[in-house]
C-alpha atoms as a PDB file:
ATOM      1  CA  MET A   1     153.140 121.075  91.998  1.00  0.00           C
ATOM      2  CA  ARG A   2     151.966 124.733  91.647  1.00  0.00           C
ATOM      3  CA  LYS A   3     152.901 124.725  87.930  1.00  0.00           C
ATOM      4  CA  LEU A   4     150.971 121.505  87.438  1.00  0.00           C
ATOM      5  CA  ILE A   5     147.911 123.071  89.088  1.00  0.00           C
ATOM      6  CA  PHE A   6     148.261 126.202  86.982  1.00  0.00           C
ATOM      7  CA  LEU A   7     148.675 124.307  83.778  1.00  0.00           C
ATOM      8  CA  PHE A   8     145.604 122.127  84.594  1.00  0.00           C
ATOM      9  CA  LEU A   9     143.461 125.243  85.281  1.00  0.00           C
ATOM     10  CA  VAL A  10     144.543 126.921  82.069  1.00  0.00           C
ATOM     11  CA  SER A  11     143.887 123.821  80.063  1.00  0.00           C
ATOM     12  CA  THR A  12     140.450 123.417  81.603  1.00  0.00           C
ATOM     13  CA  PHE A  13     139.644 127.041  80.741  1.00  0.00           C
ATOM     14  CA  TYR A  14     140.498 126.729  77.058  1.00  0.00           C
ATOM     15  CA  ILE A  15     138.946 123.322  76.693  1.00  0.00           C
ATOM     16  CA  SER A  16     135.687 124.599  78.076  1.00  0.00           C
ATOM     17  CA  ALA A  17     135.749 127.591  75.773  1.00  0.00           C
ATOM     18  CA  ALA A  18     136.386 125.321  72.804  1.00  0.00           C
ATOM     19  CA  TYR A  19     133.568 122.914  73.798  1.00  0.00           C
ATOM     20  CA  ALA A  20     131.126 125.909  74.032  1.00  0.00           C
ATOM     21  CA  GLN A  21     132.268 126.951  70.549  1.00  0.00           C
ATOM     22  CA  VAL A  22     132.596 130.610  71.741  1.00  0.00           C
ATOM     23  CA  PRO A  23     135.446 132.701  70.227  1.00  0.00           C
ATOM     24  CA  LEU A  24     137.673 134.290  72.692  1.00  0.00           C
ATOM     25  CA  VAL A  25     139.679 137.438  72.090  1.00  0.00           C
ATOM     26  CA  GLY A  26     141.292 139.180  75.019  1.00  0.00           C
ATOM     27  CA  GLY A  27     138.621 137.989  77.395  1.00  0.00           C
ATOM     28  CA  GLU A  28     135.720 138.824  75.070  1.00  0.00           C
ATOM     29  CA  ARG A  29     133.054 136.564  73.833  1.00  0.00           C
ATOM     30  CA  ILE A  30     130.561 136.792  70.994  1.00  0.00           C
ATOM     31  CA  ASP A  31     127.034 135.877  71.860  1.00  0.00           C
ATOM     32  CA  TYR A  32     126.183 134.027  68.688  1.00  0.00           C
ATOM     33  CA  TYR A  33     122.991 132.290  69.786  1.00  0.00           C
ATOM     34  CA  SER A  34     120.759 134.689  71.562  1.00  0.00           C
ATOM     35  CA  SER A  35     117.192 133.362  71.578  1.00  0.00           C
ATOM     36  CA  TRP A  36     115.509 136.732  72.133  1.00  0.00           C
ATOM     37  CA  THR A  37     113.039 137.755  69.416  1.00  0.00           C
ATOM     38  CA  ASP A  38     111.577 141.061  68.406  1.00  0.00           C
ATOM     39  CA  ARG A  39     108.433 140.073  70.475  1.00  0.00           C
ATOM     40  CA  GLY A  40     110.381 139.871  73.665  1.00  0.00           C
ATOM     41  CA  ALA A  41     110.658 142.623  76.232  1.00  0.00           C
ATOM     42  CA  LYS A  42     114.372 143.172  75.868  1.00  0.00           C
ATOM     43  CA  VAL A  43     115.378 146.011  73.603  1.00  0.00           C
ATOM     44  CA  VAL A  44     118.240 145.942  71.088  1.00  0.00           C
ATOM     45  CA  PRO A  45     121.528 147.094  72.579  1.00  0.00           C
ATOM     46  CA  MET A  46     122.400 150.692  72.015  1.00  0.00           C
ATOM     47  CA  GLY A  47     123.956 151.409  68.571  1.00  0.00           C
ATOM     48  CA  GLU A  48     122.960 148.025  67.135  1.00  0.00           C
ATOM     49  CA  ILE A  49     120.686 147.648  64.021  1.00  0.00           C
ATOM     50  CA  HIS A  50     118.654 144.481  63.301  1.00  0.00           C
ATOM     51  CA  LEU A  51     117.377 144.346  59.699  1.00  0.00           C
ATOM     52  CA  SER A  52     114.569 141.880  59.189  1.00  0.00           C
ATOM     53  CA  VAL A  53     112.543 140.950  56.080  1.00  0.00           C
ATOM     54  CA  LEU A  54     109.302 140.078  57.827  1.00  0.00           C
ATOM     55  CA  ALA A  55     109.603 140.850  61.491  1.00  0.00           C
ATOM     56  CA  LYS A  56     110.350 144.317  62.899  1.00  0.00           C
ATOM     57  CA  SER A  57     113.607 146.007  62.040  1.00  0.00           C
ATOM     58  CA  ARG A  58     115.083 147.544  65.121  1.00  0.00           C
ATOM     59  CA  TYR A  59     117.606 150.286  66.278  1.00  0.00           C
ATOM     60  CA  GLY A  60     118.922 150.754  69.727  1.00  0.00           C
ATOM     61  CA  ASN A  61     119.034 154.523  70.101  1.00  0.00           C
ATOM     62  CA  TYR A  62     119.369 154.603  73.888  1.00  0.00           C
ATOM     63  CA  PRO A  63     120.472 152.064  76.441  1.00  0.00           C
ATOM     64  CA  LYS A  64     116.903 150.945  77.264  1.00  0.00           C
ATOM     65  CA  THR A  65     115.062 152.292  74.206  1.00  0.00           C
ATOM     66  CA  GLU A  66     114.699 151.115  70.607  1.00  0.00           C
ATOM     67  CA  LEU A  67     113.098 152.361  67.452  1.00  0.00           C
ATOM     68  CA  ASN A  68     111.545 149.844  65.213  1.00  0.00           C
ATOM     69  CA  SER A  69     109.519 149.518  61.956  1.00  0.00           C
ATOM     70  CA  GLU A  70     108.030 146.774  59.733  1.00  0.00           C
ATOM     71  CA  LEU A  71     109.927 147.615  56.597  1.00  0.00           C
ATOM     72  CA  LEU A  72     108.122 145.189  54.227  1.00  0.00           C
ATOM     73  CA  LEU A  73     104.799 146.928  55.223  1.00  0.00           C
ATOM     74  CA  PHE A  74     106.272 150.489  55.117  1.00  0.00           C
ATOM     75  CA  PRO A  75     105.448 151.304  51.482  1.00  0.00           C
ATOM     76  CA  LEU A  76     101.715 150.515  51.949  1.00  0.00           C
ATOM     77  CA  ALA A  77     101.403 151.477  55.649  1.00  0.00           C
ATOM     78  CA  PRO A  78     104.247 153.878  56.794  1.00  0.00           C
ATOM     79  CA  ASN A  79     104.956 152.885  60.440  1.00  0.00           C
ATOM     80  CA  ILE A  80     107.264 153.623  63.281  1.00  0.00           C
ATOM     81  CA  GLY A  81     107.458 152.093  66.699  1.00  0.00           C
ATOM     82  CA  PHE A  82     109.054 152.970  70.075  1.00  0.00           C
ATOM     83  CA  LYS A  83     109.930 150.275  72.703  1.00  0.00           C
ATOM     84  CA  HIS A  84     111.176 151.165  76.230  1.00  0.00           C
ATOM     85  CA  GLN A  85     112.469 148.709  78.666  1.00  0.00           C
ATOM     86  CA  TRP A  86     111.319 149.900  82.049  1.00  0.00           C
ATOM     87  CA  PHE A  87     112.983 147.480  84.492  1.00  0.00           C
ATOM     88  CA  GLY A  88     114.131 143.944  85.154  1.00  0.00           C
ATOM     89  CA  LYS A  89     116.857 141.497  84.596  1.00  0.00           C
ATOM     90  CA  ASN A  90     115.416 137.960  84.700  1.00  0.00           C
ATOM     91  CA  THR A  91     111.897 139.397  84.541  1.00  0.00           C
ATOM     92  CA  ILE A  92     111.711 142.386  82.093  1.00  0.00           C
ATOM     93  CA  LEU A  93     108.742 144.757  81.594  1.00  0.00           C
ATOM     94  CA  SER A  94     108.641 146.932  78.474  1.00  0.00           C
ATOM     95  CA  SER A  95     106.069 149.074  76.589  1.00  0.00           C
ATOM     96  CA  GLN A  96     105.643 149.371  72.862  1.00  0.00           C
ATOM     97  CA  HIS A  97     103.939 152.102  71.022  1.00  0.00           C
ATOM     98  CA  THR A  98     103.507 152.053  67.223  1.00  0.00           C
ATOM     99  CA  PHE A  99     101.920 154.397  64.705  1.00  0.00           C
ATOM    100  CA  TYR A 100     100.596 153.346  61.310  1.00  0.00           C
ATOM    101  CA  TYR A 101      99.316 155.443  58.421  1.00  0.00           C
ATOM    102  CA  PRO A 102      97.366 152.825  56.191  1.00  0.00           C
ATOM    103  CA  THR A 103      95.763 155.387  53.860  1.00  0.00           C
ATOM    104  CA  VAL A 104      98.515 154.847  51.356  1.00  0.00           C
ATOM    105  CA  GLY A 105      97.849 151.198  51.027  1.00  0.00           C
ATOM    106  CA  LEU A 106      94.037 151.612  50.996  1.00  0.00           C
ATOM    107  CA  LYS A 107      94.316 153.998  48.095  1.00  0.00           C
ATOM    108  CA  TRP A 108      96.719 151.699  46.276  1.00  0.00           C
ATOM    109  CA  ALA A 109      94.229 148.860  46.632  1.00  0.00           C
ATOM    110  CA  LYS A 110      91.474 151.026  45.396  1.00  0.00           C
ATOM    111  CA  SER A 111      93.360 151.888  42.266  1.00  0.00           C
ATOM    112  CA  SER A 112      94.806 148.447  41.672  1.00  0.00           C
ATOM    113  CA  GLY A 113      91.484 146.648  41.076  1.00  0.00           C
ATOM    114  CA  PHE A 114      90.777 144.973  44.378  1.00  0.00           C
ATOM    115  CA  LYS A 115      87.090 145.527  43.825  1.00  0.00           C
ATOM    116  CA  ASP A 116      86.178 142.661  46.138  1.00  0.00           C
ATOM    117  CA  GLN A 117      87.569 144.675  49.007  1.00  0.00           C
ATOM    118  CA  ILE A 118      87.565 148.375  47.982  1.00  0.00           C
ATOM    119  CA  PRO A 119      85.417 149.589  45.076  1.00  0.00           C
ATOM    120  CA  LYS A 120      86.665 152.411  42.935  1.00  0.00           C
ATOM    121  CA  THR A 121      83.800 154.576  44.193  1.00  0.00           C
ATOM    122  CA  ALA A 122      84.961 154.327  47.871  1.00  0.00           C
ATOM    123  CA  ASP A 123      86.212 157.433  49.624  1.00  0.00           C
ATOM    124  CA  ILE A 124      89.413 156.796  51.554  1.00  0.00           C
ATOM    125  CA  PRO A 125      90.029 159.218  54.551  1.00  0.00           C
ATOM    126  CA  HIS A 126      93.321 159.935  56.229  1.00  0.00           C
ATOM    127  CA  ILE A 127      93.659 157.241  58.963  1.00  0.00           C
ATOM    128  CA  PHE A 128      96.091 157.296  61.798  1.00  0.00           C
ATOM    129  CA  THR A 129      96.269 154.039  63.814  1.00  0.00           C
ATOM    130  CA  PHE A 130      97.967 153.666  67.209  1.00  0.00           C
ATOM    131  CA  ARG A 131      98.962 150.400  68.840  1.00  0.00           C
ATOM    132  CA  ASN A 132      99.913 150.323  72.488  1.00  0.00           C
ATOM    133  CA  GLU A 133     101.054 147.225  74.443  1.00  0.00           C
ATOM    134  CA  LEU A 134     102.702 146.075  77.483  1.00  0.00           C
ATOM    135  CA  ILE A 135     105.325 143.233  77.169  1.00  0.00           C
ATOM    136  CA  LEU A 136     106.444 141.053  80.066  1.00  0.00           C
ATOM    137  CA  SER A 137     109.276 138.462  79.542  1.00  0.00           C
ATOM    138  CA  ARG A 138     110.599 135.969  82.007  1.00  0.00           C
ATOM    139  CA  ILE A 139     113.868 134.088  81.662  1.00  0.00           C
ATOM    140  CA  LEU A 140     113.082 130.540  82.734  1.00  0.00           C
ATOM    141  CA  ASN A 141     116.710 129.359  83.062  1.00  0.00           C
ATOM    142  CA  PRO A 142     118.507 132.209  84.821  1.00  0.00           C
ATOM    143  CA  GLN A 143     122.279 131.645  85.027  1.00  0.00           C
ATOM    144  CA  PRO A 144     124.954 132.795  87.459  1.00  0.00           C
ATOM    145  CA  GLU A 145     126.797 136.024  86.344  1.00  0.00           C
ATOM    146  CA  ASP A 146     130.307 134.412  86.905  1.00  0.00           C
ATOM    147  CA  CYS A 147     129.456 131.456  84.731  1.00  0.00           C
ATOM    148  CA  PHE A 148     131.648 131.726  81.535  1.00  0.00           C
ATOM    149  CA  ILE A 149     129.873 129.010  79.526  1.00  0.00           C
ATOM    150  CA  ARG A 150     126.411 130.305  79.081  1.00  0.00           C
ATOM    151  CA  THR A 151     123.492 128.805  77.349  1.00  0.00           C
ATOM    152  CA  PRO A 152     120.818 130.798  75.421  1.00  0.00           C
ATOM    153  CA  ASP A 153     118.024 132.043  77.478  1.00  0.00           C
ATOM    154  CA  LEU A 154     114.675 130.199  77.625  1.00  0.00           C
ATOM    155  CA  VAL A 155     112.295 133.106  77.485  1.00  0.00           C
ATOM    156  CA  LEU A 156     108.436 133.162  78.128  1.00  0.00           C
ATOM    157  CA  THR A 157     106.873 136.444  76.886  1.00  0.00           C
ATOM    158  CA  ALA A 158     103.301 137.666  77.392  1.00  0.00           C
ATOM    159  CA  ARG A 159     101.796 140.895  75.952  1.00  0.00           C
ATOM    160  CA  VAL A 160      98.561 142.805  76.164  1.00  0.00           C
ATOM    161  CA  GLY A 161      97.432 145.696  74.145  1.00  0.00           C
ATOM    162  CA  PHE A 162      94.906 147.483  72.088  1.00  0.00           C
ATOM    163  CA  ASP A 163      94.662 149.388  68.629  1.00  0.00           C
ATOM    164  CA  PHE A 164      92.525 152.568  68.018  1.00  0.00           C
ATOM    165  CA  SER A 165      92.324 154.790  64.974  1.00  0.00           C
ATOM    166  CA  LEU A 166      91.631 158.523  64.200  1.00  0.00           C
ATOM    167  CA  LYS A 167      90.167 159.601  60.898  1.00  0.00           C
ATOM    168  CA  THR A 168      89.767 162.883  59.058  1.00  0.00           C
ATOM    169  CA  GLY A 169      87.241 163.200  56.135  1.00  0.00           C
ATOM    170  CA  ASP A 170      84.436 161.069  55.015  1.00  0.00           C
ATOM    171  CA  ASP A 171      84.530 157.362  54.289  1.00  0.00           C
ATOM    172  CA  ASN A 172      82.255 154.818  52.684  1.00  0.00           C
ATOM    173  CA  PHE A 173      84.690 151.839  52.080  1.00  0.00           C
ATOM    174  CA  PRO A 174      83.621 148.345  53.346  1.00  0.00           C
ATOM    175  CA  LYS A 175      85.308 146.354  55.938  1.00  0.00           C
ATOM    176  CA  LEU A 176      88.449 144.335  54.815  1.00  0.00           C
ATOM    177  CA  ASP A 177      87.679 140.683  55.489  1.00  0.00           C
ATOM    178  CA  TYR A 178      90.811 138.986  54.469  1.00  0.00           C
ATOM    179  CA  TYR A 179      92.037 136.607  57.231  1.00  0.00           C
ATOM    180  CA  PHE A 180      95.225 138.629  57.972  1.00  0.00           C
ATOM    181  CA  LEU A 181      93.603 142.198  57.373  1.00  0.00           C
ATOM    182  CA  TYR A 182      90.311 142.045  59.318  1.00  0.00           C
ATOM    183  CA  GLN A 183      91.700 142.201  62.879  1.00  0.00           C
ATOM    184  CA  ARG A 184      94.363 144.780  61.812  1.00  0.00           C
ATOM    185  CA  SER A 185      91.866 147.180  60.164  1.00  0.00           C
ATOM    186  CA  ALA A 186      88.765 146.805  62.449  1.00  0.00           C
ATOM    187  CA  SER A 187      89.648 150.056  64.336  1.00  0.00           C
ATOM    188  CA  TYR A 188      89.160 152.060  61.125  1.00  0.00           C
ATOM    189  CA  TYR A 189      85.446 151.683  61.414  1.00  0.00           C
ATOM    190  CA  ASP A 190      82.897 153.077  63.929  1.00  0.00           C
ATOM    191  CA  ASP A 191      85.407 153.970  66.504  1.00  0.00           C
ATOM    192  CA  GLN A 192      86.009 150.256  67.235  1.00  0.00           C
ATOM    193  CA  LYS A 193      89.084 149.094  69.243  1.00  0.00           C
ATOM    194  CA  VAL A 194      90.928 145.896  68.780  1.00  0.00           C
ATOM    195  CA  TYR A 195      92.211 144.278  71.952  1.00  0.00           C
ATOM    196  CA  PHE A 196      94.840 141.519  71.834  1.00  0.00           C
ATOM    197  CA  ALA A 197      96.856 139.261  74.084  1.00  0.00           C
ATOM    198  CA  GLY A 198      99.684 136.843  73.196  1.00  0.00           C
ATOM    199  CA  LEU A 199     102.298 134.411  74.424  1.00  0.00           C
ATOM    200  CA  GLU A 200     105.646 133.433  73.066  1.00  0.00           C
ATOM    201  CA  LEU A 201     108.194 130.673  74.110  1.00  0.00           C
ATOM    202  CA  ALA A 202     111.698 131.121  72.596  1.00  0.00           C
ATOM    203  CA  GLY A 203     114.803 129.161  73.365  1.00  0.00           C
ATOM    204  CA  ASN A 204     117.627 126.968  72.065  1.00  0.00           C
ATOM    205  CA  VAL A 205     117.210 123.618  70.220  1.00  0.00           C
ATOM    206  CA  TYR A 206     120.790 122.616  69.576  1.00  0.00           C
ATOM    207  CA  ARG A 207     123.986 124.599  69.152  1.00  0.00           C
ATOM    208  CA  ASN A 208     123.175 127.499  66.867  1.00  0.00           C
ATOM    209  CA  PHE A 209     119.578 126.461  66.234  1.00  0.00           C
ATOM    210  CA  ASN A 210     116.866 128.292  68.273  1.00  0.00           C
ATOM    211  CA  PHE A 211     113.129 127.997  68.218  1.00  0.00           C
ATOM    212  CA  SER A 212     110.140 130.384  68.873  1.00  0.00           C
ATOM    213  CA  ILE A 213     106.473 129.643  68.976  1.00  0.00           C
ATOM    214  CA  SER A 214     103.741 132.093  69.660  1.00  0.00           C
ATOM    215  CA  ALA A 215      99.960 132.531  69.757  1.00  0.00           C
ATOM    216  CA  ASP A 216      97.907 135.660  69.700  1.00  0.00           C
ATOM    217  CA  TYR A 217      94.192 136.357  70.305  1.00  0.00           C
ATOM    218  CA  TYR A 218      92.370 139.466  68.907  1.00  0.00           C
ATOM    219  CA  ASN A 219      88.958 140.702  69.930  1.00  0.00           C
ATOM    220  CA  ILE A 220      86.953 143.528  68.440  1.00  0.00           C
ATOM    221  CA  ASP A 221      85.217 145.687  71.123  1.00  0.00           C
ATOM    222  CA  PHE A 222      84.850 142.645  73.402  1.00  0.00           C
ATOM    223  CA  GLY A 223      82.229 141.331  71.029  1.00  0.00           C
ATOM    224  CA  GLY A 224      81.678 138.072  69.222  1.00  0.00           C
ATOM    225  CA  GLU A 225      84.269 138.779  66.409  1.00  0.00           C
ATOM    226  CA  TYR A 226      87.726 137.487  67.020  1.00  0.00           C
ATOM    227  CA  ALA A 227      90.910 136.153  65.397  1.00  0.00           C
ATOM    228  CA  ILE A 228      93.646 133.754  66.460  1.00  0.00           C
ATOM    229  CA  GLU A 229      97.147 133.687  64.924  1.00  0.00           C
ATOM    230  CA  SER A 230      99.926 131.246  65.678  1.00  0.00           C
ATOM    231  CA  GLN A 231     103.473 131.175  64.471  1.00  0.00           C
ATOM    232  CA  GLY A 232     106.412 128.736  64.864  1.00  0.00           C
ATOM    233  CA  LYS A 233     109.924 129.140  63.672  1.00  0.00           C
ATOM    234  CA  ILE A 234     113.356 127.464  63.826  1.00  0.00           C
ATOM    235  CA  HIS A 235     116.144 130.070  63.706  1.00  0.00           C
ATOM    236  CA  TRP A 236     119.584 129.152  62.294  1.00  0.00           C
ATOM    237  CA  HIS A 237     122.403 131.524  63.312  1.00  0.00           C
ATOM    238  CA  ARG A 238     125.345 131.410  60.997  1.00  0.00           C
ATOM    239  CA  ASP A 239     127.260 133.750  63.187  1.00  0.00           C
ATOM    240  CA  SER A 240     126.471 136.811  65.469  1.00  0.00           C
ATOM    241  CA  LYS A 241     125.487 138.899  62.416  1.00  0.00           C
ATOM    242  CA  PHE A 242     123.225 136.862  60.203  1.00  0.00           C
ATOM    243  CA  SER A 243     120.421 134.372  60.850  1.00  0.00           C
ATOM    244  CA  VAL A 244     117.766 132.554  58.753  1.00  0.00           C
ATOM    245  CA  SER A 245     114.409 131.493  60.199  1.00  0.00           C
ATOM    246  CA  ALA A 246     111.719 129.189  58.672  1.00  0.00           C
ATOM    247  CA  GLY A 247     108.403 127.870  59.951  1.00  0.00           C
ATOM    248  CA  TYR A 248     104.736 128.428  59.644  1.00  0.00           C
ATOM    249  CA  LYS A 249     101.930 130.926  60.395  1.00  0.00           C
ATOM    250  CA  THR A 250      98.273 130.096  60.947  1.00  0.00           C
ATOM    251  CA  TYR A 251      95.347 132.533  60.809  1.00  0.00           C
ATOM    252  CA  TYR A 252      91.805 131.825  62.075  1.00  0.00           C
ATOM    253  CA  LEU A 253      89.081 134.464  61.731  1.00  0.00           C
ATOM    254  CA  ASN A 254      85.584 134.315  63.010  1.00  0.00           C
ATOM    255  CA  ASN A 255      83.507 137.528  62.079  1.00  0.00           C
ATOM    256  CA  ASP A 256      79.892 138.276  61.485  1.00  0.00           C
ATOM    257  CA  THR A 257      79.893 136.902  58.000  1.00  0.00           C
ATOM    258  CA  LYS A 258      82.147 133.890  57.815  1.00  0.00           C
ATOM    259  CA  THR A 259      85.128 131.980  59.320  1.00  0.00           C
ATOM    260  CA  GLN A 260      88.423 131.558  57.685  1.00  0.00           C
ATOM    261  CA  LEU A 261      91.391 129.219  58.318  1.00  0.00           C
ATOM    262  CA  PHE A 262      94.625 129.723  56.546  1.00  0.00           C
ATOM    263  CA  LEU A 263      98.166 128.227  56.970  1.00  0.00           C
ATOM    264  CA  MET A 264     101.329 129.462  55.205  1.00  0.00           C
ATOM    265  CA  PRO A 265     105.072 128.991  55.297  1.00  0.00           C
ATOM    266  CA  VAL A 266     107.297 131.885  56.439  1.00  0.00           C
ATOM    267  CA  VAL A 267     110.972 132.440  55.871  1.00  0.00           C
ATOM    268  CA  ASP A 268     112.877 135.433  57.343  1.00  0.00           C
ATOM    269  CA  LEU A 269     116.352 136.789  57.142  1.00  0.00           C
ATOM    270  CA  VAL A 270     117.978 138.950  59.908  1.00  0.00           C
ATOM    271  CA  PHE A 271     121.105 141.044  59.528  1.00  0.00           C
ATOM    272  CA  LYS A 272     122.810 142.597  62.634  1.00  0.00           C
ATOM    273  CA  LEU A 273     124.924 145.710  62.126  1.00  0.00           C
ATOM    274  CA  ASN A 274     127.269 147.212  64.707  1.00  0.00           C
ATOM    275  CA  HIS A 275     127.027 144.031  66.728  1.00  0.00           C
ATOM    276  CA  ARG A 276     129.555 144.206  69.581  1.00  0.00           C
ATOM    277  CA  THR A 277     131.446 141.588  71.420  1.00  0.00           C
ATOM    278  CA  LYS A 278     130.700 141.582  75.167  1.00  0.00           C
ATOM    279  CA  LEU A 279     133.143 141.260  78.046  1.00  0.00           C
ATOM    280  CA  GLN A 280     132.553 138.064  79.926  1.00  0.00           C
ATOM    281  CA  ARG A 281     133.999 137.217  83.387  1.00  0.00           C
ATOM    282  CA  GLY A 282     135.791 133.910  83.149  1.00  0.00           C
ATOM    283  CA  LEU A 283     138.031 131.784  85.269  1.00  0.00           C
ATOM    284  CA  PHE A 284     140.352 134.641  85.930  1.00  0.00           C
ATOM    285  CA  LYS A 285     137.729 137.239  86.332  1.00  0.00           C
ATOM    286  CA  LYS A 286     138.569 138.994  83.004  1.00  0.00           C
END
């Protein structure tokens, strides 16, 4: 009878693991389908590198700290960010601090014929932009630690912050009024500050398909000028080290001179380097 009970328990253990489609090696599991995005409060595990085409690329340099950068933007606006996870398990609080040097891109635009934005007679100063934000994430479906078959987290994230810039030298270049640049460059002028707040919901759709949807509101010096951005994506995880996401991004800008509405598709690729398997307590506490 004891042998039958033991065989039943072992069979149940492996059938459950197969149903969850989670590879097992010596009590380890690979978390293929994490629904956390770069906008969430959770930092990248120490030693891991996440390389992204459009979103932030990230490196976990300490257990609760990561360095990140928007690599696609880097040639025109060199940037580096620092995120620290302060506390929390199901509710996590982090802070993100990012530095940008947009002078390189502005000088390139001036010399490349974007006369409708920056005339060749404009003087471009050295501009140092700083973004500071608080990020709060809440896992809406917390799961018991001793549960072996885990589902991806359903995560609600809120963030608030502001941008400000410091300049050296004279400038006489006009405001950039493209729908995606105005709210990001408004702090370059007249000691203005850009305040923003946003929400994101991220979770699992089915098996290795996740989703994320977000909305952000930007306001310039708490005046009448504002912008709204929204983004939705479906993320397909081939495995623990590679994923593809596709969706849309919408911009709405309302400034002193005009309003703009623009919708565009987005596609992103993410590669994870040094991704580690994680010990998971199962039926036999291994």
